[in-house]
Amino acid sequence: MNREPEVLSGGLANAGAVLRHGDTVERPAPPHVTLLHAHLGALREQGFDGVPVPLGVSESGQRERLSYVPGEVAVSPYPEWVWTDDALRSVGALLRRMHDAAADVPFDRAAGWPSDLADPEGATAPGALVCHNDACLENVVFRDGRAAALIDFDLAAPGRPVWDVAMAARYWVPMRGRPGLDPAHRLRVLADGYGLGRAGRAVLPQVIEQATAVCRAFVERRVERGDAAYTAAYERSGRAAWDRHQKWLVNHRAALTTALLAD
């Protein structure tokens, strides 16, 4: 007896279009799907099992198939456990594991990786690797209270590892603020979980400012194109909210840096 597929929730770009068929997930394929599937396979060959197994692409090239990654994914309204230090520390550790594997995976810098959320300085930077670029709450799978896997690599592209940490910080600290949470403390917890070195810590607040500007441009391009999901989200926050957030990051750069570098 065939069961109806389960619609998986979370995210804006593919809302309602990600289907689970038992142990398989079917979703819209990005234009660079062949390149991306090769990279996911290479990560697993390096011993990093925290990514889906690529299973193929439809004849039309419009849909991809991946293994279903079991576990718990936080979707809005987010449960309180996602804001614990232990959860945050584990996100940093997972990202580091992925980067350690990616460091041994060669990539073609000019192979057609998406530029939407890519590090503007990272494609030619020493130590560049393929970053996830969108490790938001909806894209991290937890098991037993710890981050165990990353999903939705559609926006992955070459960049500095610290860029990926900055992108994760935007969502998980979060850098836009959340009542009852100390962003300086949480940024330190994320960096500790990742094992970020002193040089990375010294530049992380400024890289977060860069990442925020790139994310804002990403949203505004989609609003200009008339994307309904992004337009609705932008109307809830608005230009003024982005302005305030970017100003806050600049004004608190020194305090965040001090927290990161404290012994």
Protein backbone atom coordinates (compact mmCIF):
# COMPACT_ATOMS: atom_id res chain seq x y z
CA MET A 1 0.00 0.00 0.00
CA ASN A 2 1.45 3.33 -1.09
CA ARG A 3 1.47 6.05 1.53
CA GLU A 4 1.04 9.72 0.78
CA PRO A 5 4.34 11.58 1.01
CA GLU A 6 4.97 13.73 4.07
CA VAL A 7 5.45 17.43 3.41
CA LEU A 8 8.47 18.59 5.40
CA SER A 9 8.14 22.05 6.92
CA GLY A 10 10.73 24.78 7.42
CA GLY A 11 12.41 27.37 5.23
CA LEU A 12 11.07 29.93 2.79
CA ALA A 13 12.46 29.12 -0.64
CA ASN A 14 11.07 25.56 -0.93
CA ALA A 15 8.08 25.77 1.40
CA GLY A 16 5.63 22.97 0.63
CA ALA A 17 7.85 21.46 -2.06
CA VAL A 18 10.02 19.15 0.07
CA LEU A 19 8.50 15.67 0.31
CA ARG A 20 9.50 12.65 2.35
CA HIS A 21 8.90 9.18 0.95
CA GLY A 22 10.00 6.86 3.75
CA ASP A 23 13.80 7.03 3.85
CA THR A 24 14.01 9.36 0.85
CA VAL A 25 13.50 13.10 0.49
CA GLU A 26 12.50 14.63 -2.83
CA ARG A 27 12.93 18.37 -3.30
CA PRO A 28 13.53 21.04 -5.96
CA ALA A 29 17.00 20.67 -7.41
CA PRO A 30 19.32 23.70 -7.52
CA PRO A 31 20.86 24.54 -10.90
CA HIS A 32 24.24 23.17 -9.76
CA VAL A 33 22.79 19.92 -8.41
CA THR A 34 25.40 17.66 -10.07
CA LEU A 35 28.23 19.67 -8.55
CA LEU A 36 26.52 19.71 -5.16
CA HIS A 37 25.81 15.98 -5.08
CA ALA A 38 29.45 15.27 -5.90
CA HIS A 39 30.50 17.46 -2.98
CA LEU A 40 28.11 15.78 -0.53
CA GLY A 41 29.41 12.40 -1.61
CA ALA A 42 32.99 13.57 -1.12
CA LEU A 43 32.24 14.81 2.40
CA ARG A 44 30.89 11.39 3.31
CA GLU A 45 33.97 9.74 1.79
CA GLN A 46 36.04 11.88 4.15
CA GLY A 47 34.15 10.35 7.07
CA PHE A 48 31.65 13.16 7.71
CA ASP A 49 28.26 11.47 7.96
CA GLY A 50 26.38 14.63 8.98
CA VAL A 51 25.00 15.26 5.49
CA PRO A 52 22.33 13.53 3.39
CA VAL A 53 23.33 10.82 0.93
CA PRO A 54 22.75 12.09 -2.64
CA LEU A 55 20.54 9.56 -4.47
CA GLY A 56 20.00 11.11 -7.88
CA VAL A 57 18.10 13.62 -9.97
CA SER A 58 14.86 13.30 -11.92
CA GLU A 59 15.00 12.96 -15.70
CA SER A 60 13.85 16.56 -16.05
CA GLY A 61 16.60 17.73 -13.70
CA GLN A 62 14.01 19.64 -11.68
CA ARG A 63 13.89 17.37 -8.62
CA GLU A 64 16.65 15.80 -6.54
CA ARG A 65 16.55 12.78 -4.25
CA LEU A 66 18.45 12.58 -0.98
CA SER A 67 18.43 10.24 2.00
CA TYR A 68 16.18 11.30 4.86
CA VAL A 69 18.27 12.41 7.86
CA PRO A 70 16.54 11.26 11.06
CA GLY A 71 16.38 13.53 14.06
CA GLU A 72 14.74 16.71 15.28
CA VAL A 73 14.76 20.01 13.38
CA ALA A 74 13.63 23.20 15.09
CA VAL A 75 11.02 25.18 13.19
CA SER A 76 9.20 28.34 14.21
CA PRO A 77 7.95 28.82 16.90
CA TYR A 78 11.27 27.51 18.13
CA PRO A 79 11.36 25.27 21.22
CA GLU A 80 13.33 26.56 24.19
CA TRP A 81 15.94 23.81 24.02
CA VAL A 82 17.48 25.32 20.88
CA TRP A 83 18.59 28.35 22.92
CA THR A 84 20.63 26.39 25.45
CA ASP A 85 24.41 26.75 25.58
CA ASP A 86 24.79 23.00 25.03
CA ALA A 87 22.81 23.12 21.79
CA LEU A 88 24.76 26.15 20.60
CA ARG A 89 28.12 24.59 21.46
CA SER A 90 27.17 21.47 19.53
CA VAL A 91 26.30 23.55 16.45
CA GLY A 92 29.81 24.99 16.51
CA ALA A 93 31.31 21.51 16.89
CA LEU A 94 29.23 20.14 13.99
CA LEU A 95 30.27 23.01 11.73
CA ARG A 96 33.91 22.37 12.59
CA ARG A 97 33.57 18.67 11.75
CA MET A 98 32.09 19.57 8.39
CA HIS A 99 34.87 22.09 7.70
CA ASP A 100 37.58 19.60 8.66
CA ALA A 101 36.16 17.16 6.11
CA ALA A 102 35.65 19.87 3.47
CA ALA A 103 39.26 21.01 3.83
CA ASP A 104 40.31 17.74 2.20
CA VAL A 105 37.78 17.98 -0.65
CA PRO A 106 39.12 19.79 -3.74
CA PHE A 107 36.75 22.16 -5.52
CA ASP A 108 36.69 24.23 -8.68
CA ARG A 109 36.30 27.88 -7.71
CA ALA A 110 34.77 28.68 -11.11
CA ALA A 111 32.41 25.70 -11.30
CA GLY A 112 29.12 27.57 -10.93
CA TRP A 113 28.64 27.72 -7.17
CA PRO A 114 25.82 30.12 -6.21
CA SER A 115 26.87 33.61 -5.16
CA ASP A 116 23.68 34.45 -3.19
CA LEU A 117 25.16 34.07 0.31
CA ALA A 118 28.77 33.36 -0.63
CA ASP A 119 31.71 34.96 1.12
CA PRO A 120 32.71 37.95 -1.08
CA GLU A 121 36.34 37.53 0.01
CA GLY A 122 36.50 33.79 0.30
CA ALA A 123 36.74 32.21 -3.12
CA THR A 124 40.44 33.02 -3.39
CA ALA A 125 41.30 33.24 0.33
CA PRO A 126 43.92 30.90 1.78
CA GLY A 127 42.22 27.94 3.42
CA ALA A 128 38.97 28.45 1.49
CA LEU A 129 36.61 25.49 1.44
CA VAL A 130 33.00 24.88 0.48
CA CYS A 131 30.92 26.51 3.22
CA HIS A 132 27.28 25.68 3.97
CA ASN A 133 26.36 29.40 4.16
CA ASP A 134 22.89 28.80 5.60
CA ALA A 135 23.25 26.88 8.87
CA CYS A 136 20.03 28.35 10.26
CA LEU A 137 17.90 26.59 12.87
CA GLU A 138 15.80 24.83 10.21
CA ASN A 139 18.89 23.36 8.54
CA VAL A 140 20.46 21.63 11.56
CA VAL A 141 19.29 18.16 12.62
CA PHE A 142 19.58 17.28 16.33
CA ARG A 143 19.75 13.90 18.01
CA ASP A 144 19.75 13.46 21.78
CA GLY A 145 20.02 17.22 22.22
CA ARG A 146 23.11 17.66 20.05
CA ALA A 147 23.57 18.95 16.52
CA ALA A 148 24.20 15.87 14.37
CA ALA A 149 23.73 16.85 10.72
CA LEU A 150 23.36 19.71 8.26
CA ILE A 151 20.76 19.73 5.50
CA ASP A 152 19.83 22.03 2.59
CA PHE A 153 23.17 22.81 0.97
CA ASP A 154 21.55 24.75 -1.91
CA LEU A 155 23.51 27.93 -1.11
CA ALA A 156 26.83 26.26 -0.34
CA ALA A 157 29.82 27.92 -1.99
CA PRO A 158 33.57 28.40 -1.48
CA GLY A 159 34.56 30.75 1.33
CA ARG A 160 36.56 31.30 4.48
CA PRO A 161 35.60 28.98 7.36
CA VAL A 162 35.04 32.03 9.59
CA TRP A 163 32.37 33.16 7.12
CA ASP A 164 30.33 30.03 7.87
CA VAL A 165 30.75 30.64 11.62
CA ALA A 166 29.52 34.22 11.12
CA MET A 167 26.49 33.02 9.15
CA ALA A 168 25.64 30.48 11.85
CA ALA A 169 26.05 33.17 14.54
CA ARG A 170 23.42 35.33 12.87
CA TYR A 171 20.80 32.66 13.50
CA TRP A 172 21.97 30.78 16.58
CA VAL A 173 23.29 33.54 18.84
CA PRO A 174 21.16 35.22 17.39
CA MET A 175 22.83 38.47 16.37
CA ARG A 176 19.46 40.20 16.02
CA GLY A 177 18.91 39.65 19.72
CA ARG A 178 16.45 37.60 21.71
CA PRO A 179 15.06 38.50 25.16
CA GLY A 180 16.96 36.83 27.97
CA LEU A 181 20.00 35.91 25.87
CA ASP A 182 23.42 37.59 26.05
CA PRO A 183 24.80 37.82 22.49
CA ALA A 184 28.41 38.36 23.59
CA HIS A 185 28.31 35.26 25.80
CA ARG A 186 26.58 33.16 23.16
CA LEU A 187 28.98 34.23 20.44
CA ARG A 188 31.81 33.05 22.69
CA VAL A 189 30.03 29.71 23.26
CA LEU A 190 29.65 29.19 19.51
CA ALA A 191 33.32 30.04 18.90
CA ASP A 192 34.39 27.71 21.72
CA GLY A 193 32.27 24.87 20.33
CA TYR A 194 33.83 25.38 16.91
CA GLY A 195 37.33 25.67 18.32
CA LEU A 196 37.89 28.99 16.54
CA GLY A 197 41.45 30.24 16.84
CA ARG A 198 42.48 33.65 18.10
CA ALA A 199 42.89 35.14 14.62
CA GLY A 200 39.39 34.02 13.66
CA ARG A 201 37.92 35.38 16.89
CA ALA A 202 39.55 38.77 16.30
CA VAL A 203 37.79 39.21 12.95
CA LEU A 204 34.53 37.36 13.62
CA PRO A 205 32.43 40.43 14.64
CA GLN A 206 33.45 42.26 11.48
CA VAL A 207 32.73 39.19 9.35
CA ILE A 208 29.27 39.03 10.95
CA GLU A 209 28.76 42.63 9.77
CA GLN A 210 29.78 41.58 6.25
CA ALA A 211 27.50 38.55 6.37
CA THR A 212 24.57 40.68 7.55
CA ALA A 213 25.01 43.04 4.60
CA VAL A 214 25.12 40.08 2.20
CA CYS A 215 21.98 38.57 3.77
CA ARG A 216 20.16 41.89 3.51
CA ALA A 217 21.05 42.20 -0.17
CA PHE A 218 19.91 38.60 -0.70
CA VAL A 219 16.48 39.37 0.79
CA GLU A 220 16.09 42.69 -1.04
CA ARG A 221 16.90 41.10 -4.41
CA ARG A 222 14.09 38.63 -3.86
CA VAL A 223 11.71 41.36 -2.81
CA GLU A 224 12.56 43.27 -5.98
CA ARG A 225 11.77 40.12 -8.01
CA GLY A 226 8.37 39.90 -6.34
CA ASP A 227 9.03 36.74 -4.31
CA ALA A 228 5.94 36.57 -2.09
CA ALA A 229 7.56 34.67 0.82
CA TYR A 230 10.49 37.03 1.11
CA THR A 231 8.32 40.10 0.58
CA ALA A 232 6.08 39.10 3.47
CA ALA A 233 9.09 38.50 5.72
CA TYR A 234 10.65 41.81 4.69
CA GLU A 235 7.43 43.68 5.38
CA ARG A 236 7.44 42.29 8.94
CA SER A 237 10.96 43.57 9.58
CA GLY A 238 11.48 46.34 7.07
CA ARG A 239 14.36 48.51 6.03
CA ALA A 240 14.47 50.37 9.34
CA ALA A 241 14.91 47.13 11.30
CA TRP A 242 17.84 46.12 9.10
CA ASP A 243 19.36 49.60 9.60
CA ARG A 244 19.07 49.30 13.38
CA HIS A 245 20.55 45.82 13.37
CA GLN A 246 23.55 46.79 11.25
CA LYS A 247 24.16 49.85 13.43
CA TRP A 248 23.99 47.68 16.57
CA LEU A 249 26.63 45.32 15.19
CA VAL A 250 29.01 48.19 14.47
CA ASN A 251 28.43 49.80 17.86
CA HIS A 252 29.01 46.52 19.71
CA ARG A 253 31.97 45.28 17.67
CA ALA A 254 34.49 46.09 20.39
CA ALA A 255 32.46 44.43 23.15
CA LEU A 256 31.90 41.30 21.07
CA THR A 257 35.60 41.12 20.20
CA THR A 258 36.58 41.51 23.85
CA ALA A 259 34.25 38.66 24.86
CA LEU A 260 35.68 36.41 22.16
CA LEU A 261 39.30 37.09 23.09
CA ALA A 262 38.93 37.00 26.88
CA ASP A 263 41.03 34.33 28.61
